[in-house]
């Protein structure tokens, strides 16, 4: 992986880790990947990191469904869940295919480079 791509992915990885919406599993995978850069474990951890990111990015329909569900209302509160569902529907109508929260946005940006990362 060239230095420019590596620097970009490192930056987005730090954004991911800092995102309040980032899952604990993604934070662990991200930090493990950062720690593995330049070591013999880098290739294995890169693969694991990509797999975790692919599992964590929430498809837009999943976000809408969760925000409108009883569980989503319990998690976010009725007003926030309604706002989140409305926002998700709006970005879906504009072409979004996944959640645009800070964690999903960072993960998506990293995944856009996955072919260059996994070289």
PDB file of N, CA and C in Angstrom:
ATOM      1  N   UNK A   1       0.864  -1.168   0.000  1.00  0.00           N
ATOM      2  CA  UNK A   1       0.000   0.000   0.000  1.00  0.00           C
ATOM      3  C   UNK A   1       0.908   1.228   0.000  1.00  0.00           C
ATOM      4  N   UNK A   2       0.578   2.180  -0.874  1.00  0.00           N
ATOM      5  CA  UNK A   2       1.432   3.357  -0.929  1.00  0.00           C
ATOM      6  C   UNK A   2       1.185   4.281   0.263  1.00  0.00           C
ATOM      7  N   UNK A   3       2.126   5.178   0.505  1.00  0.00           N
ATOM      8  CA  UNK A   3       2.081   6.038   1.690  1.00  0.00           C
ATOM      9  C   UNK A   3       0.842   6.930   1.713  1.00  0.00           C
ATOM     10  N   UNK A   4       0.435   7.450   0.572  1.00  0.00           N
ATOM     11  CA  UNK A   4      -0.732   8.328   0.508  1.00  0.00           C
ATOM     12  C   UNK A   4      -2.005   7.588   0.946  1.00  0.00           C
ATOM     13  N   UNK A   5      -2.176   6.379   0.450  1.00  0.00           N
ATOM     14  CA  UNK A   5      -3.333   5.565   0.837  1.00  0.00           C
ATOM     15  C   UNK A   5      -3.241   5.204   2.313  1.00  0.00           C
ATOM     16  N   UNK A   6      -2.070   4.795   2.760  1.00  0.00           N
ATOM     17  CA  UNK A   6      -1.883   4.443   4.171  1.00  0.00           C
ATOM     18  C   UNK A   6      -2.223   5.619   5.074  1.00  0.00           C
ATOM     19  N   UNK A   7      -1.709   6.799   4.752  1.00  0.00           N
ATOM     20  CA  UNK A   7      -1.991   7.990   5.564  1.00  0.00           C
ATOM     21  C   UNK A   7      -3.490   8.291   5.603  1.00  0.00           C
ATOM     22  N   UNK A   8      -4.151   8.163   4.459  1.00  0.00           N
ATOM     23  CA  UNK A   8      -5.598   8.403   4.380  1.00  0.00           C
ATOM     24  C   UNK A   8      -6.359   7.416   5.261  1.00  0.00           C
ATOM     25  N   UNK A   9      -6.014   6.139   5.163  1.00  0.00           N
ATOM     26  CA  UNK A   9      -6.713   5.116   5.935  1.00  0.00           C
ATOM     27  C   UNK A   9      -6.430   5.284   7.426  1.00  0.00           C
ATOM     28  N   UNK A  10      -5.230   5.644   7.777  1.00  0.00           N
ATOM     29  CA  UNK A  10      -4.912   5.912   9.186  1.00  0.00           C
ATOM     30  C   UNK A  10      -5.766   7.071   9.702  1.00  0.00           C
ATOM     31  N   UNK A  11      -5.866   8.138   8.925  1.00  0.00           N
ATOM     32  CA  UNK A  11      -6.682   9.294   9.324  1.00  0.00           C
ATOM     33  C   UNK A  11      -8.142   8.891   9.517  1.00  0.00           C
ATOM     34  N   UNK A  12      -8.696   8.151   8.558  1.00  0.00           N
ATOM     35  CA  UNK A  12     -10.095   7.718   8.659  1.00  0.00           C
ATOM     36  C   UNK A  12     -10.283   6.725   9.805  1.00  0.00           C
ATOM     37  N   UNK A  13      -9.261   5.941  10.087  1.00  0.00           N
ATOM     38  CA  UNK A  13      -9.336   4.993  11.198  1.00  0.00           C
ATOM     39  C   UNK A  13      -9.417   5.745  12.525  1.00  0.00           C
ATOM     40  N   UNK A  14      -8.654   6.812  12.657  1.00  0.00           N
ATOM     41  CA  UNK A  14      -8.747   7.630  13.874  1.00  0.00           C
ATOM     42  C   UNK A  14     -10.123   8.294  13.990  1.00  0.00           C
ATOM     43  N   UNK A  15     -10.679   8.725  12.861  1.00  0.00           N
ATOM     44  CA  UNK A  15     -12.041   9.282  12.873  1.00  0.00           C
ATOM     45  C   UNK A  15     -13.038   8.219  13.327  1.00  0.00           C
ATOM     46  N   UNK A  16     -12.875   7.007  12.835  1.00  0.00           N
ATOM     47  CA  UNK A  16     -13.748   5.902  13.213  1.00  0.00           C
ATOM     48  C   UNK A  16     -13.682   5.653  14.719  1.00  0.00           C
ATOM     49  N   UNK A  17     -12.493   5.519  15.232  1.00  0.00           N
ATOM     50  CA  UNK A  17     -12.311   5.249  16.659  1.00  0.00           C
ATOM     51  C   UNK A  17     -12.930   6.357  17.514  1.00  0.00           C
ATOM     52  N   UNK A  18     -12.831   7.591  17.055  1.00  0.00           N
ATOM     53  CA  UNK A  18     -13.345   8.741  17.804  1.00  0.00           C
ATOM     54  C   UNK A  18     -14.859   8.920  17.697  1.00  0.00           C
ATOM     55  N   UNK A  19     -15.472   8.261  16.744  1.00  0.00           N
ATOM     56  CA  UNK A  19     -16.910   8.438  16.504  1.00  0.00           C
ATOM     57  C   UNK A  19     -17.726   7.823  17.647  1.00  0.00           C
ATOM     58  N   UNK A  20     -18.649   8.591  18.218  1.00  0.00           N
ATOM     59  CA  UNK A  20     -19.484   8.045  19.296  1.00  0.00           C
ATOM     60  C   UNK A  20     -20.320   6.845  18.856  1.00  0.00           C
ATOM     61  N   UNK A  21     -20.617   6.755  17.576  1.00  0.00           N
ATOM     62  CA  UNK A  21     -21.454   5.669  17.068  1.00  0.00           C
ATOM     63  C   UNK A  21     -20.651   4.425  16.683  1.00  0.00           C
ATOM     64  N   UNK A  22     -19.348   4.435  16.910  1.00  0.00           N
ATOM     65  CA  UNK A  22     -18.506   3.297  16.551  1.00  0.00           C
ATOM     66  C   UNK A  22     -18.699   2.163  17.555  1.00  0.00           C
ATOM     67  N   UNK A  23     -18.892   0.958  17.035  1.00  0.00           N
ATOM     68  CA  UNK A  23     -19.065  -0.208  17.902  1.00  0.00           C
ATOM     69  C   UNK A  23     -17.746  -0.555  18.590  1.00  0.00           C
ATOM     70  N   UNK A  24     -17.849  -1.233  19.703  1.00  0.00           N
ATOM     71  CA  UNK A  24     -16.638  -1.633  20.424  1.00  0.00           C
ATOM     72  C   UNK A  24     -15.809  -2.606  19.583  1.00  0.00           C
ATOM     73  N   UNK A  25     -16.470  -3.472  18.822  1.00  0.00           N
ATOM     74  CA  UNK A  25     -15.760  -4.413  17.970  1.00  0.00           C
ATOM     75  C   UNK A  25     -14.961  -3.690  16.879  1.00  0.00           C
ATOM     76  N   UNK A  26     -15.564  -2.665  16.296  1.00  0.00           N
ATOM     77  CA  UNK A  26     -14.863  -1.902  15.258  1.00  0.00           C
ATOM     78  C   UNK A  26     -13.692  -1.123  15.852  1.00  0.00           C
ATOM     79  N   UNK A  27     -13.880  -0.585  17.059  1.00  0.00           N
ATOM     80  CA  UNK A  27     -12.773   0.134  17.712  1.00  0.00           C
ATOM     81  C   UNK A  27     -11.600  -0.803  17.964  1.00  0.00           C
ATOM     82  N   UNK A  28     -11.896  -1.996  18.436  1.00  0.00           N
ATOM     83  CA  UNK A  28     -10.838  -2.972  18.698  1.00  0.00           C
ATOM     84  C   UNK A  28     -10.137  -3.354  17.393  1.00  0.00           C
ATOM     85  N   UNK A  29     -10.909  -3.640  16.351  1.00  0.00           N
ATOM     86  CA  UNK A  29     -10.319  -4.012  15.056  1.00  0.00           C
ATOM     87  C   UNK A  29      -9.474  -2.875  14.497  1.00  0.00           C
ATOM     88  N   UNK A  30      -9.960  -1.653  14.644  1.00  0.00           N
ATOM     89  CA  UNK A  30      -9.229  -0.486  14.148  1.00  0.00           C
ATOM     90  C   UNK A  30      -7.905  -0.314  14.889  1.00  0.00           C
ATOM     91  N   UNK A  31      -7.950  -0.397  16.205  1.00  0.00           N
ATOM     92  CA  UNK A  31      -6.728  -0.223  16.981  1.00  0.00           C
ATOM     93  C   UNK A  31      -5.752  -1.368  16.730  1.00  0.00           C
ATOM     94  N   UNK A  32      -6.271  -2.573  16.610  1.00  0.00           N
ATOM     95  CA  UNK A  32      -5.413  -3.728  16.322  1.00  0.00           C
ATOM     96  C   UNK A  32      -4.725  -3.547  14.975  1.00  0.00           C
ATOM     97  N   UNK A  33      -5.473  -3.050  13.983  1.00  0.00           N
ATOM     98  CA  UNK A  33      -4.893  -2.798  12.671  1.00  0.00           C
ATOM     99  C   UNK A  33      -3.811  -1.724  12.766  1.00  0.00           C
ATOM    100  N   UNK A  34      -4.112  -0.630  13.467  1.00  0.00           N
ATOM    101  CA  UNK A  34      -3.104   0.437  13.622  1.00  0.00           C
ATOM    102  C   UNK A  34      -1.831  -0.112  14.257  1.00  0.00           C
ATOM    103  N   UNK A  35      -1.993  -0.937  15.284  1.00  0.00           N
ATOM    104  CA  UNK A  35      -0.841  -1.507  15.985  1.00  0.00           C
ATOM    105  C   UNK A  35      -0.056  -2.481  15.097  1.00  0.00           C
ATOM    106  N   UNK A  36      -0.712  -3.058  14.106  1.00  0.00           N
ATOM    107  CA  UNK A  36      -0.069  -4.050  13.242  1.00  0.00           C
ATOM    108  C   UNK A  36       0.645  -3.438  12.039  1.00  0.00           C
ATOM    109  N   UNK A  37       0.438  -2.164  11.784  1.00  0.00           N
ATOM    110  CA  UNK A  37       1.068  -1.530  10.622  1.00  0.00           C
ATOM    111  C   UNK A  37       2.587  -1.668  10.730  1.00  0.00           C
ATOM    112  N   UNK A  38       3.173  -2.176   9.660  1.00  0.00           N
ATOM    113  CA  UNK A  38       4.614  -2.339   9.599  1.00  0.00           C
ATOM    114  C   UNK A  38       5.137  -3.606  10.255  1.00  0.00           C
ATOM    115  N   UNK A  39       4.240  -4.451  10.734  1.00  0.00           N
ATOM    116  CA  UNK A  39       4.653  -5.705  11.353  1.00  0.00           C
ATOM    117  C   UNK A  39       4.275  -6.869  10.450  1.00  0.00           C
ATOM    118  N   UNK A  40       4.704  -8.053  10.834  1.00  0.00           N
ATOM    119  CA  UNK A  40       4.350  -9.240  10.055  1.00  0.00           C
ATOM    120  C   UNK A  40       2.869  -9.579  10.173  1.00  0.00           C
ATOM    121  N   UNK A  41       2.167  -8.992  11.123  1.00  0.00           N
ATOM    122  CA  UNK A  41       0.732  -9.227  11.306  1.00  0.00           C
ATOM    123  C   UNK A  41      -0.147  -8.298  10.458  1.00  0.00           C
ATOM    124  N   UNK A  42       0.463  -7.350   9.775  1.00  0.00           N
ATOM    125  CA  UNK A  42      -0.309  -6.332   9.054  1.00  0.00           C
ATOM    126  C   UNK A  42      -1.285  -6.937   8.044  1.00  0.00           C
ATOM    127  N   UNK A  43      -0.873  -7.878   7.257  1.00  0.00           N
ATOM    128  CA  UNK A  43      -1.744  -8.462   6.232  1.00  0.00           C
ATOM    129  C   UNK A  43      -2.951  -9.150   6.861  1.00  0.00           C
ATOM    130  N   UNK A  44      -2.714  -9.942   7.894  1.00  0.00           N
ATOM    131  CA  UNK A  44      -3.804 -10.657   8.567  1.00  0.00           C
ATOM    132  C   UNK A  44      -4.762  -9.659   9.219  1.00  0.00           C
ATOM    133  N   UNK A  45      -4.218  -8.663   9.895  1.00  0.00           N
ATOM    134  CA  UNK A  45      -5.066  -7.692  10.585  1.00  0.00           C
ATOM    135  C   UNK A  45      -5.808  -6.780   9.605  1.00  0.00           C
ATOM    136  N   UNK A  46      -5.211  -6.526   8.463  1.00  0.00           N
ATOM    137  CA  UNK A  46      -5.898  -5.740   7.431  1.00  0.00           C
ATOM    138  C   UNK A  46      -7.134  -6.487   6.961  1.00  0.00           C
ATOM    139  N   UNK A  47      -6.990  -7.770   6.727  1.00  0.00           N
ATOM    140  CA  UNK A  47      -8.136  -8.595   6.304  1.00  0.00           C
ATOM    141  C   UNK A  47      -9.221  -8.584   7.376  1.00  0.00           C
ATOM    142  N   UNK A  48      -8.843  -8.772   8.619  1.00  0.00           N
ATOM    143  CA  UNK A  48      -9.818  -8.763   9.722  1.00  0.00           C
ATOM    144  C   UNK A  48     -10.500  -7.402   9.846  1.00  0.00           C
ATOM    145  N   UNK A  49      -9.731  -6.362   9.698  1.00  0.00           N
ATOM    146  CA  UNK A  49     -10.265  -4.998   9.802  1.00  0.00           C
ATOM    147  C   UNK A  49     -11.308  -4.752   8.711  1.00  0.00           C
ATOM    148  N   UNK A  50     -10.983  -5.105   7.494  1.00  0.00           N
ATOM    149  CA  UNK A  50     -11.920  -4.927   6.381  1.00  0.00           C
ATOM    150  C   UNK A  50     -13.202  -5.724   6.629  1.00  0.00           C
ATOM    151  N   UNK A  51     -13.060  -6.965   7.086  1.00  0.00           N
ATOM    152  CA  UNK A  51     -14.244  -7.779   7.379  1.00  0.00           C
ATOM    153  C   UNK A  51     -15.114  -7.137   8.452  1.00  0.00           C
ATOM    154  N   UNK A  52     -14.495  -6.596   9.482  1.00  0.00           N
ATOM    155  CA  UNK A  52     -15.258  -5.930  10.550  1.00  0.00           C
ATOM    156  C   UNK A  52     -15.976  -4.701  10.008  1.00  0.00           C
ATOM    157  N   UNK A  53     -15.291  -3.915   9.211  1.00  0.00           N
ATOM    158  CA  UNK A  53     -15.921  -2.709   8.650  1.00  0.00           C
ATOM    159  C   UNK A  53     -17.100  -3.075   7.754  1.00  0.00           C
ATOM    160  N   UNK A  54     -16.931  -4.097   6.949  1.00  0.00           N
ATOM    161  CA  UNK A  54     -18.024  -4.529   6.066  1.00  0.00           C
ATOM    162  C   UNK A  54     -19.231  -4.983   6.882  1.00  0.00           C
ATOM    163  N   UNK A  55     -18.986  -5.595   8.012  1.00  0.00           N
ATOM    164  CA  UNK A  55     -20.086  -6.065   8.866  1.00  0.00           C
ATOM    165  C   UNK A  55     -20.753  -4.917   9.620  1.00  0.00           C
ATOM    166  N   UNK A  56     -20.005  -3.840   9.855  1.00  0.00           N
ATOM    167  CA  UNK A  56     -20.512  -2.760  10.705  1.00  0.00           C
ATOM    168  C   UNK A  56     -21.250  -1.644   9.981  1.00  0.00           C
ATOM    169  N   UNK A  57     -20.967  -1.432   8.704  1.00  0.00           N
ATOM    170  CA  UNK A  57     -21.656  -0.355   7.982  1.00  0.00           C
ATOM    171  C   UNK A  57     -23.119  -0.739   7.835  1.00  0.00           C
ATOM    172  N   UNK A  58     -23.981   0.109   8.341  1.00  0.00           N
ATOM    173  CA  UNK A  58     -25.414  -0.180   8.379  1.00  0.00           C
ATOM    174  C   UNK A  58     -26.089   0.249   7.079  1.00  0.00           C
ATOM    175  N   UNK A  59     -26.687  -0.687   6.359  1.00  0.00           N
ATOM    176  CA  UNK A  59     -27.428  -0.316   5.146  1.00  0.00           C
ATOM    177  C   UNK A  59     -28.561   0.658   5.503  1.00  0.00           C
ATOM    178  N   UNK A  60     -28.871   1.542   4.588  1.00  0.00           N
ATOM    179  CA  UNK A  60     -29.861   2.591   4.857  1.00  0.00           C
ATOM    180  C   UNK A  60     -31.215   2.011   5.254  1.00  0.00           C
ATOM    181  N   UNK A  61     -31.632   0.932   4.619  1.00  0.00           N
ATOM    182  CA  UNK A  61     -32.916   0.336   4.988  1.00  0.00           C
ATOM    183  C   UNK A  61     -32.872  -0.250   6.396  1.00  0.00           C
ATOM    184  N   UNK A  62     -31.713  -0.747   6.799  1.00  0.00           N
ATOM    185  CA  UNK A  62     -31.549  -1.237   8.169  1.00  0.00           C
ATOM    186  C   UNK A  62     -31.651  -0.111   9.176  1.00  0.00           C
ATOM    187  N   UNK A  63     -31.089   1.035   8.836  1.00  0.00           N
ATOM    188  CA  UNK A  63     -31.179   2.201   9.710  1.00  0.00           C
ATOM    189  C   UNK A  63     -32.624   2.659   9.847  1.00  0.00           C
ATOM    190  N   UNK A  64     -33.319   2.741   8.732  1.00  0.00           N
ATOM    191  CA  UNK A  64     -34.729   3.157   8.763  1.00  0.00           C
ATOM    192  C   UNK A  64     -35.539   2.171   9.603  1.00  0.00           C
ATOM    193  N   UNK A  65     -35.355   0.900   9.339  1.00  0.00           N
ATOM    194  CA  UNK A  65     -36.091  -0.124  10.078  1.00  0.00           C
ATOM    195  C   UNK A  65     -35.814  -0.059  11.569  1.00  0.00           C
ATOM    196  N   UNK A  66     -34.550   0.119  11.939  1.00  0.00           N
ATOM    197  CA  UNK A  66     -34.207   0.183  13.351  1.00  0.00           C
ATOM    198  C   UNK A  66     -34.791   1.437  13.999  1.00  0.00           C
ATOM    199  N   UNK A  67     -34.662   2.571  13.334  1.00  0.00           N
ATOM    200  CA  UNK A  67     -35.162   3.823  13.898  1.00  0.00           C
ATOM    201  C   UNK A  67     -36.676   3.786  14.095  1.00  0.00           C
ATOM    202  N   UNK A  68     -37.376   3.055  13.235  1.00  0.00           N
ATOM    203  CA  UNK A  68     -38.833   2.973  13.340  1.00  0.00           C
ATOM    204  C   UNK A  68     -39.314   1.827  14.230  1.00  0.00           C
ATOM    205  N   UNK A  69     -38.396   1.002  14.689  1.00  0.00           N
ATOM    206  CA  UNK A  69     -38.791  -0.148  15.507  1.00  0.00           C
ATOM    207  C   UNK A  69     -38.987   0.248  16.974  1.00  0.00           C
ATOM    208  N   UNK A  70     -39.654  -0.610  17.703  1.00  0.00           N
ATOM    209  CA  UNK A  70     -39.829  -0.381  19.137  1.00  0.00           C
ATOM    210  C   UNK A  70     -38.480  -0.296  19.837  1.00  0.00           C
ATOM    211  N   UNK A  71     -37.566  -1.154  19.432  1.00  0.00           N
ATOM    212  CA  UNK A  71     -36.239  -1.149  20.041  1.00  0.00           C
ATOM    213  C   UNK A  71     -35.495   0.165  19.729  1.00  0.00           C
ATOM    214  N   UNK A  72     -35.594   0.619  18.502  1.00  0.00           N
ATOM    215  CA  UNK A  72     -34.974   1.886  18.122  1.00  0.00           C
ATOM    216  C   UNK A  72     -35.536   3.052  18.915  1.00  0.00           C
ATOM    217  N   UNK A  73     -36.847   3.025  19.129  1.00  0.00           N
ATOM    218  CA  UNK A  73     -37.494   4.079  19.918  1.00  0.00           C
ATOM    219  C   UNK A  73     -37.006   4.019  21.363  1.00  0.00           C
ATOM    220  N   UNK A  74     -36.814   2.810  21.882  1.00  0.00           N
ATOM    221  CA  UNK A  74     -36.286   2.662  23.246  1.00  0.00           C
ATOM    222  C   UNK A  74     -34.856   3.193  23.340  1.00  0.00           C
ATOM    223  N   UNK A  75     -34.050   2.920  22.329  1.00  0.00           N
ATOM    224  CA  UNK A  75     -32.651   3.343  22.337  1.00  0.00           C
ATOM    225  C   UNK A  75     -32.518   4.857  22.185  1.00  0.00           C
ATOM    226  N   UNK A  76     -33.227   5.428  21.225  1.00  0.00           N
ATOM    227  CA  UNK A  76     -33.055   6.842  20.891  1.00  0.00           C
ATOM    228  C   UNK A  76     -34.066   7.768  21.551  1.00  0.00           C
ATOM    229  N   UNK A  77     -35.183   7.231  21.989  1.00  0.00           N
ATOM    230  CA  UNK A  77     -36.284   8.074  22.425  1.00  0.00           C
ATOM    231  C   UNK A  77     -37.167   8.347  21.217  1.00  0.00           C
ATOM    232  N   UNK A  78     -38.425   8.583  21.478  1.00  0.00           N
ATOM    233  CA  UNK A  78     -39.389   8.702  20.380  1.00  0.00           C
ATOM    234  C   UNK A  78     -39.055   9.828  19.400  1.00  0.00           C
ATOM    235  N   UNK A  79     -38.744  11.011  19.916  1.00  0.00           N
ATOM    236  CA  UNK A  79     -38.481  12.150  19.031  1.00  0.00           C
ATOM    237  C   UNK A  79     -37.215  11.946  18.195  1.00  0.00           C
ATOM    238  N   UNK A  80     -36.148  11.500  18.833  1.00  0.00           N
ATOM    239  CA  UNK A  80     -34.888  11.291  18.111  1.00  0.00           C
ATOM    240  C   UNK A  80     -35.033  10.174  17.092  1.00  0.00           C
ATOM    241  N   UNK A  81     -35.717   9.105  17.457  1.00  0.00           N
ATOM    242  CA  UNK A  81     -35.924   7.995  16.521  1.00  0.00           C
ATOM    243  C   UNK A  81     -36.694   8.478  15.295  1.00  0.00           C
ATOM    244  N   UNK A  82     -37.705   9.302  15.523  1.00  0.00           N
ATOM    245  CA  UNK A  82     -38.496   9.837  14.407  1.00  0.00           C
ATOM    246  C   UNK A  82     -37.632  10.732  13.514  1.00  0.00           C
ATOM    247  N   UNK A  83     -36.807  11.577  14.134  1.00  0.00           N
ATOM    248  CA  UNK A  83     -35.907  12.449  13.370  1.00  0.00           C
ATOM    249  C   UNK A  83     -34.889  11.619  12.581  1.00  0.00           C
ATOM    250  N   UNK A  84     -34.347  10.589  13.216  1.00  0.00           N
ATOM    251  CA  UNK A  84     -33.370   9.737  12.563  1.00  0.00           C
ATOM    252  C   UNK A  84     -33.984   9.005  11.377  1.00  0.00           C
ATOM    253  N   UNK A  85     -35.171   8.473  11.551  1.00  0.00           N
ATOM    254  CA  UNK A  85     -35.854   7.792  10.450  1.00  0.00           C
ATOM    255  C   UNK A  85     -36.122   8.766   9.304  1.00  0.00           C
ATOM    256  N   UNK A  86     -36.567   9.968   9.632  1.00  0.00           N
ATOM    257  CA  UNK A  86     -36.804  10.979   8.601  1.00  0.00           C
ATOM    258  C   UNK A  86     -35.528  11.347   7.860  1.00  0.00           C
ATOM    259  N   UNK A  87     -34.452  11.519   8.613  1.00  0.00           N
ATOM    260  CA  UNK A  87     -33.157  11.829   8.000  1.00  0.00           C
ATOM    261  C   UNK A  87     -32.715  10.694   7.077  1.00  0.00           C
ATOM    262  N   UNK A  88     -32.852   9.464   7.555  1.00  0.00           N
ATOM    263  CA  UNK A  88     -32.444   8.308   6.758  1.00  0.00           C
ATOM    264  C   UNK A  88     -33.254   8.212   5.470  1.00  0.00           C
ATOM    265  N   UNK A  89     -34.545   8.462   5.557  1.00  0.00           N
ATOM    266  CA  UNK A  89     -35.383   8.429   4.352  1.00  0.00           C
ATOM    267  C   UNK A  89     -34.975   9.524   3.378  1.00  0.00           C
ATOM    268  N   UNK A  90     -34.622  10.680   3.912  1.00  0.00           N
ATOM    269  CA  UNK A  90     -34.205  11.802   3.062  1.00  0.00           C
ATOM    270  C   UNK A  90     -32.907  11.477   2.328  1.00  0.00           C
ATOM    271  N   UNK A  91     -31.924  10.950   3.050  1.00  0.00           N
ATOM    272  CA  UNK A  91     -30.660  10.651   2.371  1.00  0.00           C
ATOM    273  C   UNK A  91     -30.798   9.451   1.436  1.00  0.00           C
ATOM    274  N   UNK A  92     -31.707   8.535   1.767  1.00  0.00           N
ATOM    275  CA  UNK A  92     -31.960   7.411   0.858  1.00  0.00           C
ATOM    276  C   UNK A  92     -32.538   7.937  -0.452  1.00  0.00           C
ATOM    277  N   UNK A  93     -33.472   8.877  -0.366  1.00  0.00           N
ATOM    278  CA  UNK A  93     -34.074   9.422  -1.588  1.00  0.00           C
ATOM    279  C   UNK A  93     -33.052  10.196  -2.422  1.00  0.00           C
ATOM    280  N   UNK A  94     -31.974  10.641  -1.768  1.00  0.00           N
ATOM    281  CA  UNK A  94     -30.905  11.335  -2.479  1.00  0.00           C
ATOM    282  C   UNK A  94     -29.837  10.360  -2.980  1.00  0.00           C
ATOM    283  N   UNK A  95     -30.039   9.055  -2.735  1.00  0.00           N
ATOM    284  CA  UNK A  95     -29.131   8.053  -3.273  1.00  0.00           C
ATOM    285  C   UNK A  95     -28.248   7.330  -2.266  1.00  0.00           C
ATOM    286  N   UNK A  96     -28.349   7.677  -0.988  1.00  0.00           N
ATOM    287  CA  UNK A  96     -27.515   7.006   0.015  1.00  0.00           C
ATOM    288  C   UNK A  96     -27.888   5.533   0.105  1.00  0.00           C
ATOM    289  N   UNK A  97     -26.873   4.703   0.275  1.00  0.00           N
ATOM    290  CA  UNK A  97     -27.122   3.271   0.425  1.00  0.00           C
ATOM    291  C   UNK A  97     -26.787   2.784   1.834  1.00  0.00           C
ATOM    292  N   UNK A  98     -26.150   3.665   2.626  1.00  0.00           N
ATOM    293  CA  UNK A  98     -25.812   3.278   3.992  1.00  0.00           C
ATOM    294  C   UNK A  98     -25.940   4.478   4.926  1.00  0.00           C
ATOM    295  N   UNK A  99     -25.903   4.174   6.184  1.00  0.00           N
ATOM    296  CA  UNK A  99     -25.963   5.176   7.243  1.00  0.00           C
ATOM    297  C   UNK A  99     -24.844   6.201   7.043  1.00  0.00           C
ATOM    298  N   UNK A 100     -25.117   7.438   7.412  1.00  0.00           N
ATOM    299  CA  UNK A 100     -24.098   8.479   7.273  1.00  0.00           C
ATOM    300  C   UNK A 100     -23.599   8.995   8.623  1.00  0.00           C
ATOM    301  N   UNK A 101     -23.803   8.205   9.691  1.00  0.00           N
ATOM    302  CA  UNK A 101     -23.255   8.610  10.991  1.00  0.00           C
ATOM    303  C   UNK A 101     -21.735   8.672  10.872  1.00  0.00           C
ATOM    304  N   UNK A 102     -21.048   9.332  11.799  1.00  0.00           N
ATOM    305  CA  UNK A 102     -19.587   9.449  11.686  1.00  0.00           C
ATOM    306  C   UNK A 102     -18.858   8.103  11.572  1.00  0.00           C
ATOM    307  N   UNK A 103     -19.300   7.090  12.298  1.00  0.00           N
ATOM    308  CA  UNK A 103     -18.625   5.787  12.227  1.00  0.00           C
ATOM    309  C   UNK A 103     -18.841   5.137  10.863  1.00  0.00           C
ATOM    310  N   UNK A 104     -20.072   5.116  10.390  1.00  0.00           N
ATOM    311  CA  UNK A 104     -20.350   4.506   9.086  1.00  0.00           C
ATOM    312  C   UNK A 104     -19.685   5.291   7.957  1.00  0.00           C
ATOM    313  N   UNK A 105     -19.651   6.615   8.079  1.00  0.00           N
ATOM    314  CA  UNK A 105     -19.002   7.434   7.050  1.00  0.00           C
ATOM    315  C   UNK A 105     -17.508   7.141   6.983  1.00  0.00           C
ATOM    316  N   UNK A 106     -16.852   7.038   8.141  1.00  0.00           N
ATOM    317  CA  UNK A 106     -15.421   6.728   8.161  1.00  0.00           C
ATOM    318  C   UNK A 106     -15.170   5.317   7.623  1.00  0.00           C
ATOM    319  N   UNK A 107     -15.988   4.359   8.054  1.00  0.00           N
ATOM    320  CA  UNK A 107     -15.832   2.987   7.588  1.00  0.00           C
ATOM    321  C   UNK A 107     -16.038   2.895   6.077  1.00  0.00           C
ATOM    322  N   UNK A 108     -17.035   3.586   5.569  1.00  0.00           N
ATOM    323  CA  UNK A 108     -17.291   3.581   4.129  1.00  0.00           C
ATOM    324  C   UNK A 108     -16.110   4.177   3.363  1.00  0.00           C
ATOM    325  N   UNK A 109     -15.551   5.251   3.886  1.00  0.00           N
ATOM    326  CA  UNK A 109     -14.391   5.873   3.235  1.00  0.00           C
ATOM    327  C   UNK A 109     -13.211   4.911   3.189  1.00  0.00           C
ATOM    328  N   UNK A 110     -13.007   4.178   4.266  1.00  0.00           N
ATOM    329  CA  UNK A 110     -11.924   3.191   4.305  1.00  0.00           C
ATOM    330  C   UNK A 110     -12.210   2.068   3.311  1.00  0.00           C
ATOM    331  N   UNK A 111     -13.433   1.577   3.308  1.00  0.00           N
ATOM    332  CA  UNK A 111     -13.788   0.469   2.417  1.00  0.00           C
ATOM    333  C   UNK A 111     -13.671   0.846   0.946  1.00  0.00           C
ATOM    334  N   UNK A 112     -13.838   2.124   0.640  1.00  0.00           N
ATOM    335  CA  UNK A 112     -13.657   2.565  -0.747  1.00  0.00           C
ATOM    336  C   UNK A 112     -12.218   2.356  -1.219  1.00  0.00           C
ATOM    337  N   UNK A 113     -11.295   2.220  -0.278  1.00  0.00           N
ATOM    338  CA  UNK A 113      -9.887   1.994  -0.585  1.00  0.00           C
ATOM    339  C   UNK A 113      -9.455   0.548  -0.352  1.00  0.00           C
ATOM    340  N   UNK A 114     -10.423  -0.348  -0.074  1.00  0.00           N
ATOM    341  CA  UNK A 114     -10.050  -1.689   0.370  1.00  0.00           C
ATOM    342  C   UNK A 114      -9.183  -2.447  -0.635  1.00  0.00           C
ATOM    343  N   UNK A 115      -9.386  -2.239  -1.920  1.00  0.00           N
ATOM    344  CA  UNK A 115      -8.550  -2.935  -2.899  1.00  0.00           C
ATOM    345  C   UNK A 115      -7.105  -2.452  -2.842  1.00  0.00           C
ATOM    346  N   UNK A 116      -6.910  -1.209  -2.464  1.00  0.00           N
ATOM    347  CA  UNK A 116      -5.554  -0.659  -2.339  1.00  0.00           C
ATOM    348  C   UNK A 116      -4.934  -1.033  -0.997  1.00  0.00           C
ATOM    349  N   UNK A 117      -5.775  -1.218   0.008  1.00  0.00           N
ATOM    350  CA  UNK A 117      -5.287  -1.560   1.350  1.00  0.00           C
ATOM    351  C   UNK A 117      -4.820  -3.001   1.389  1.00  0.00           C
ATOM    352  N   UNK A 118      -5.557  -3.867   0.741  1.00  0.00           N
ATOM    353  CA  UNK A 118      -5.303  -5.302   0.832  1.00  0.00           C
ATOM    354  C   UNK A 118      -4.254  -5.792  -0.162  1.00  0.00           C
ATOM    355  N   UNK A 119      -3.501  -4.892  -0.738  1.00  0.00           N
ATOM    356  CA  UNK A 119      -2.472  -5.290  -1.721  1.00  0.00           C
ATOM    357  C   UNK A 119      -1.392  -6.112  -1.071  1.00  0.00           C
TER     358      UNK A 119
END
